[in-house]
């Protein structure tokens, strides 16, 4: 499970955008979102760099935790 801080993730639309982007990268990914803490946890075979670039492509800067 990879964990990321996503400070600009603030609402349900943000959550949906992030989930769709990660699912496009890996349809089998398991994603947990904590909007209040601005944190996502992702279980995927995709590497950290690929996840970070995918999030950046949809407008979210993320930092591994």
Protein backbone atom coordinates (compact mmCIF):
# COMPACT_ATOMS: atom_id res chain seq x y z
CA UNK A 1 0.00 0.00 0.00
CA UNK A 2 1.42 3.35 -1.06
CA UNK A 3 0.37 6.49 0.82
CA UNK A 4 0.39 10.03 -0.55
CA UNK A 5 -0.36 13.52 0.71
CA UNK A 6 -2.50 15.40 -1.84
CA UNK A 7 -2.97 18.91 -0.35
CA UNK A 8 -5.19 20.23 -3.18
CA UNK A 9 -7.70 17.36 -2.87
CA UNK A 10 -10.61 19.04 -1.10
CA UNK A 11 -13.94 17.68 -2.37
CA UNK A 12 -15.84 14.80 -3.89
CA UNK A 13 -15.00 15.96 -7.42
CA UNK A 14 -11.27 15.84 -6.55
CA UNK A 15 -11.72 12.34 -5.12
CA UNK A 16 -13.53 11.13 -8.25
CA UNK A 17 -10.93 12.64 -10.60
CA UNK A 18 -8.08 10.99 -8.69
CA UNK A 19 -9.83 7.62 -8.48
CA UNK A 20 -10.62 7.64 -12.21
CA UNK A 21 -7.02 8.53 -13.12
CA UNK A 22 -5.58 5.76 -10.95
CA UNK A 23 -8.12 3.23 -12.20
CA UNK A 24 -7.19 4.11 -15.78
CA UNK A 25 -3.55 3.40 -14.88
CA UNK A 26 -4.44 0.15 -13.04
CA UNK A 27 -7.99 -1.18 -13.18
CA UNK A 28 -7.27 -3.46 -10.22
CA UNK A 29 -5.99 -0.71 -7.92
CA UNK A 30 -7.54 -0.39 -4.49
CA UNK A 31 -7.87 3.24 -3.42
CA UNK A 32 -8.72 4.70 -0.03
CA UNK A 33 -9.31 8.44 0.19
CA UNK A 34 -9.30 10.58 3.34
CA UNK A 35 -10.53 14.01 2.20
CA UNK A 36 -10.18 15.56 5.66
CA UNK A 37 -6.51 14.58 5.92
CA UNK A 38 -5.84 15.10 2.17
CA UNK A 39 -4.35 11.61 2.00
CA UNK A 40 -4.80 8.72 -0.41
CA UNK A 41 -3.68 5.12 0.01
CA UNK A 42 -3.26 3.04 -3.11
CA UNK A 43 -2.66 -0.69 -3.48
CA UNK A 44 -1.35 -1.15 -7.02
CA UNK A 45 1.43 -2.75 -9.00
CA UNK A 46 2.19 0.67 -10.55
CA UNK A 47 5.33 2.30 -9.21
CA UNK A 48 5.43 5.45 -7.11
CA UNK A 49 6.84 7.58 -9.94
CA UNK A 50 4.06 6.47 -12.31
CA UNK A 51 1.39 7.25 -9.69
CA UNK A 52 2.88 10.69 -9.02
CA UNK A 53 3.01 11.52 -12.74
CA UNK A 54 -0.56 10.27 -13.22
CA UNK A 55 -1.80 12.50 -10.40
CA UNK A 56 0.15 15.45 -11.79
CA UNK A 57 -1.42 14.91 -15.24
CA UNK A 58 -4.88 15.43 -13.71
CA UNK A 59 -3.78 18.49 -11.74
CA UNK A 60 -2.75 17.17 -8.32
CA UNK A 61 0.71 17.47 -6.81
CA UNK A 62 1.29 14.59 -4.41
CA UNK A 63 4.02 13.69 -1.96
CA UNK A 64 4.75 10.12 -0.82
CA UNK A 65 4.27 9.58 2.91
